[in-house]
Amino acid sequence: MHSWLAAAAFLVAGPSEASARAVSVLAYAILAPVLYVAGRHVVGTRPDALEHGQIWLRPAASGLIAAALALTSPTLLTHASQAMLESTGLLALAAAFLAFFRTTSPTARPIYYTLLGVTVIIAYFVKTNYGLLLLLALILFLSAEWMVRPGRVTRRQLAYAIVPMGVVWVVWFMYPPKILSTWQALVNQPWNADQASGLEWWLFYPRAMLDMSGSPGILALFIAAWLTAVRRGGRNVRFLVFFVGLQLLVAQVHQTKHLRHILPVFPALFLLSGFAVTEWWTRFRGKVPARLLLAGVLSAAWVAMLVSLPSRDWRSTTAQSDPALLARIAANSAGGDRTLVVSAVEVRFAAPPVLDWYLAVHAGLLAPPGAGEALKPVVQRRIARTAERTLPASLWLRVRPLVTRAEHAGQVRTFYMDLSGDERQEVIEELRISLEKMRSGRIVSVTSTLANARWPAHSIAEVIARAGGWVLVADERLDAQAVRVGVWQRARAIVR
């Protein structure tokens, strides 16, 4: 869904980095008001919102604190400044929280349940693991609630949330590869399997939370807010507590360690912080003068900001690039001949989205269907095989140009090893098939020279040699970037 929004931005303002980043920035800008409204509904307005001795809070203050934390979060700011889908996914999560809060009232209208189901679907289509985490949290939380208070979760309104999710996902999963791709999103992918144990592995996310929170003070606020919510929260607060705990538990035991995988906890922590701060204010208001209490809170906030901001590295490190390296790859790919650029996810300074963007927008060599980062060759091959087996011959002839469009996309096509987590042998076989279909042209191989590279130059050379008829005509090693660039041509083209 984020890709569709980016495509709409390109249609309106033209393809550019500013247009691509505008989607993330806009989602980030909308996130704050959504959290503000959600913060106003963290504590329900019904009479039983005072259960367990809960003190009535000022909803506006809770919402303002949540929105302020979102707007000043270094992690969210850095992601919003990039053309990444995390900001859009977090917006979908915040909208789902708001929809869930509106269903808490016994007189909640059916539209709120429908919106809850729709926001879960949107979260899934923006970022698969966000939607699956949200769905799992809802199922487990409502199941536990049903065991304690059966009357709350057996109401007819729940059908309004279940039906839209059921209809959409039944249609979506009628295509079997979608089931496989969803399952792969849940399964461990230990790319750094040699470090998938030990103290470093267990401390990965605790250290990440300290860095991503912005400062030790903000992390302490999150921890204190979570503990306060555990003891004094109502239904909405309990759901946020459960959501944060579930996300951190799954992240901690999962072997696939990525910083962005724990981003979903932050909207929930912002809301819990708003709840906790207003609760603390209400409790201490009668014991400490209001002006002194307000001055203390503001002073603590300013000190936390002053400590964290100067030491923060605001530069993006998620997709580093080297303009000289990208220009060199583009120069080797130009010249009129059909070119297949073979690279890998592990290559530094030329990550798949960065290289595809440069070849398409800056060099004007790559057509969108030929981008290996967008249309993964292995996945496209699976789609073609399934369609050929299941569709009538007459319909297959009409569909075939669509599912094989990457093979005829234009002058340049990119192929990335291990991009979709496929088995190594399947990736090698797909590359061999692609090479055999190229009757002429050239191959540009971009490989890593690091000692632990999964796809070094000799492994790519073996696959090219197996395809037959290709000769290495140029080979350059760039030690500063830890990259090796090779150019291959058909033997008969060299003879001519």
Foldseek 3Di string as FASTA:
>chain_A
DLVVCLVVLCVVPNDDFCSLLVSLLVLLVVQLVLQQLLQLLLQPPDPCSCPPNFDDFRSNQLSNQLSVLSVPFLLSVLRSRGSDLLSVLLSLLSQLLSLVSQLQDPPRDLVSLLSNLVSLVSNCVSPNVSSVLVVVLVVVLLVVVCVVPVVSNVDPSNVSNVVVNVVVVVVVCVPPVVVVLSVVVLAADQPVVVPLDDDCLQCQVVVLLCQRLQHPLSVVLLVVLLVVCVNRNDDSSVSLNSSLVVQVVSQNNGNDHDSSSNVNNSSSSSSSSSVVVRSVCVVCCVVDPNVVVVVVVVVSVVVRCVVRVVPRDSDDDPAAADVVVLVVLLVLLDDPAAEEEEEACPQHRCHLVNSQCCCCPVVVFFAVLQRCLVLPQLVLVVVLVVCVVPPPPVVNVVCVCVSCVNLVGGRYHYHYQCNSVDDNVSSLVSVLVSLLVRPWGKYKYKYAQDPPGPCHPVNVVVSNVVSPQKDWDDWDQDVVSRIIITMITGPVVVVD
